Amino acid sequence: MKILFMVVVTLFLLSSVSFAQDQIGSSEPAISLFKSVEIIKEYLSSKAKQDYSDKYLYSVSYHFSQGHPRKGACWLYHFAFKIPRLGGSISIYHFMDGEIIEFHHGP
């Protein structure tokens, strides 16, 4: 009986370790921050719709967008004006499938 109990406990522990490894592996971003920064630098120099010369990078974070502008995991870049003014900050969403969306906040 003790042997059967030990076998069941061992199988349970092995399966939980495997489950934990699957969970850890899935939380890593598909695009690393360093790769994303390189892509965004290229995007800003050649394809950006707005002029970023009067703005600075305020923050970068790994974010899960709930549906605005699109649902999914992304690197979120926030830009603000060098001279403070009402509204006008800009966010760039770099989604894990490679799509980049510029979003203008405020008026």
Protein backbone atom coordinates (compact mmCIF):
# COMPACT_ATOMS: atom_id res chain seq x y z
CA MET A 1 0.00 0.00 0.00
CA LYS A 2 2.87 2.36 0.84
CA ILE A 3 4.48 1.67 -2.52
CA LEU A 4 1.25 2.46 -4.39
CA PHE A 5 0.90 5.69 -2.44
CA MET A 6 4.52 6.67 -3.22
CA VAL A 7 3.97 5.95 -6.94
CA VAL A 8 0.85 8.14 -7.02
CA VAL A 9 2.60 10.98 -5.17
CA THR A 10 5.64 10.75 -7.47
CA LEU A 11 3.47 10.87 -10.60
CA PHE A 12 1.58 13.83 -9.20
CA LEU A 13 4.79 15.74 -8.46
CA LEU A 14 6.24 15.00 -11.89
CA SER A 15 3.09 16.16 -13.65
CA SER A 16 2.95 19.38 -11.60
CA VAL A 17 6.60 20.17 -12.44
CA SER A 18 5.84 19.67 -16.13
CA PHE A 19 2.77 21.92 -15.84
CA ALA A 20 4.82 24.62 -14.10
CA GLN A 21 7.47 24.53 -16.85
CA ASP A 22 4.76 24.94 -19.50
CA GLN A 23 3.39 27.98 -17.65
CA ILE A 24 6.82 29.58 -17.29
CA GLY A 25 7.66 29.05 -20.96
CA SER A 26 4.43 30.64 -22.18
CA SER A 27 4.90 33.88 -20.22
CA GLU A 28 7.98 34.96 -22.17
CA PRO A 29 7.31 37.48 -24.94
CA ALA A 30 7.62 36.23 -28.51
CA ILE A 31 9.64 39.37 -29.37
CA SER A 32 12.30 40.38 -26.86
CA LEU A 33 12.53 43.97 -25.65
CA PHE A 34 15.90 44.44 -27.37
CA LYS A 35 14.54 43.21 -30.71
CA SER A 36 11.44 45.37 -30.31
CA VAL A 37 13.53 48.48 -29.60
CA GLU A 38 15.54 47.91 -32.79
CA ILE A 39 12.33 47.47 -34.83
CA ILE A 40 10.74 50.60 -33.32
CA LYS A 41 13.90 52.67 -33.96
CA GLU A 42 13.75 51.67 -37.61
CA TYR A 43 9.99 52.36 -37.69
CA LEU A 44 10.45 55.86 -36.24
CA SER A 45 13.14 56.76 -38.75
CA SER A 46 11.32 55.57 -41.87
CA LYS A 47 7.63 54.69 -41.47
CA ALA A 48 6.24 56.81 -38.62
CA LYS A 49 3.14 58.84 -39.43
CA GLN A 50 3.99 61.61 -36.96
CA ASP A 51 7.06 63.70 -36.21
CA TYR A 52 8.79 62.54 -33.02
CA SER A 53 11.50 65.22 -32.91
CA ASP A 54 9.54 67.25 -30.31
CA LYS A 55 8.73 64.17 -28.17
CA TYR A 56 10.67 61.91 -25.82
CA LEU A 57 10.21 58.30 -24.81
CA TYR A 58 8.37 58.37 -21.48
CA SER A 59 8.08 54.63 -20.75
CA VAL A 60 8.16 51.12 -22.21
CA SER A 61 6.20 48.23 -20.76
CA TYR A 62 5.06 44.73 -21.62
CA HIS A 63 1.29 45.02 -21.84
CA PHE A 64 -1.75 42.88 -22.64
CA SER A 65 -4.17 45.06 -24.56
CA GLN A 66 -7.80 44.21 -23.84
CA GLY A 67 -9.07 45.28 -27.25
CA HIS A 68 -8.09 48.89 -27.86
CA PRO A 69 -6.59 49.34 -30.42
CA ARG A 70 -6.34 45.55 -30.70
CA LYS A 71 -6.40 42.60 -28.31
CA GLY A 72 -3.17 40.83 -27.46
CA ALA A 73 0.26 41.02 -25.86
CA CYS A 74 2.49 43.88 -26.95
CA TRP A 75 5.35 46.15 -26.05
CA LEU A 76 3.81 49.54 -25.26
CA TYR A 77 5.90 52.67 -25.88
CA HIS A 78 4.64 56.00 -24.46
CA PHE A 79 5.91 59.27 -25.88
CA ALA A 80 5.28 62.73 -24.39
CA PHE A 81 5.99 66.25 -25.65
CA LYS A 82 9.26 67.85 -24.51
CA ILE A 83 7.34 71.07 -23.75
CA PRO A 84 4.31 70.20 -21.59
CA ARG A 85 0.92 70.76 -23.18
CA LEU A 86 -2.59 69.46 -22.82
CA GLY A 87 -3.21 66.10 -24.49
CA GLY A 88 -1.22 64.89 -27.38
CA SER A 89 0.80 62.05 -25.89
CA ILE A 90 1.35 59.17 -28.27
CA SER A 91 1.55 55.42 -27.72
CA ILE A 92 3.08 52.90 -30.06
CA TYR A 93 1.86 49.32 -29.70
CA HIS A 94 4.26 46.66 -30.99
CA PHE A 95 2.30 43.40 -31.00
CA MET A 96 3.95 39.98 -30.83
CA ASP A 97 2.97 39.18 -34.44
CA GLY A 98 4.98 42.21 -35.62
CA GLU A 99 2.13 44.69 -36.17
CA ILE A 100 2.87 48.26 -35.07
CA ILE A 101 0.06 50.71 -34.29
CA GLU A 102 0.48 54.41 -33.45
CA PHE A 103 -2.21 55.80 -31.15
CA HIS A 104 -2.65 59.53 -30.45
CA HIS A 105 -4.21 60.38 -27.05
CA GLY A 106 -6.30 63.47 -26.53
CA PRO A 107 -7.17 66.35 -28.85
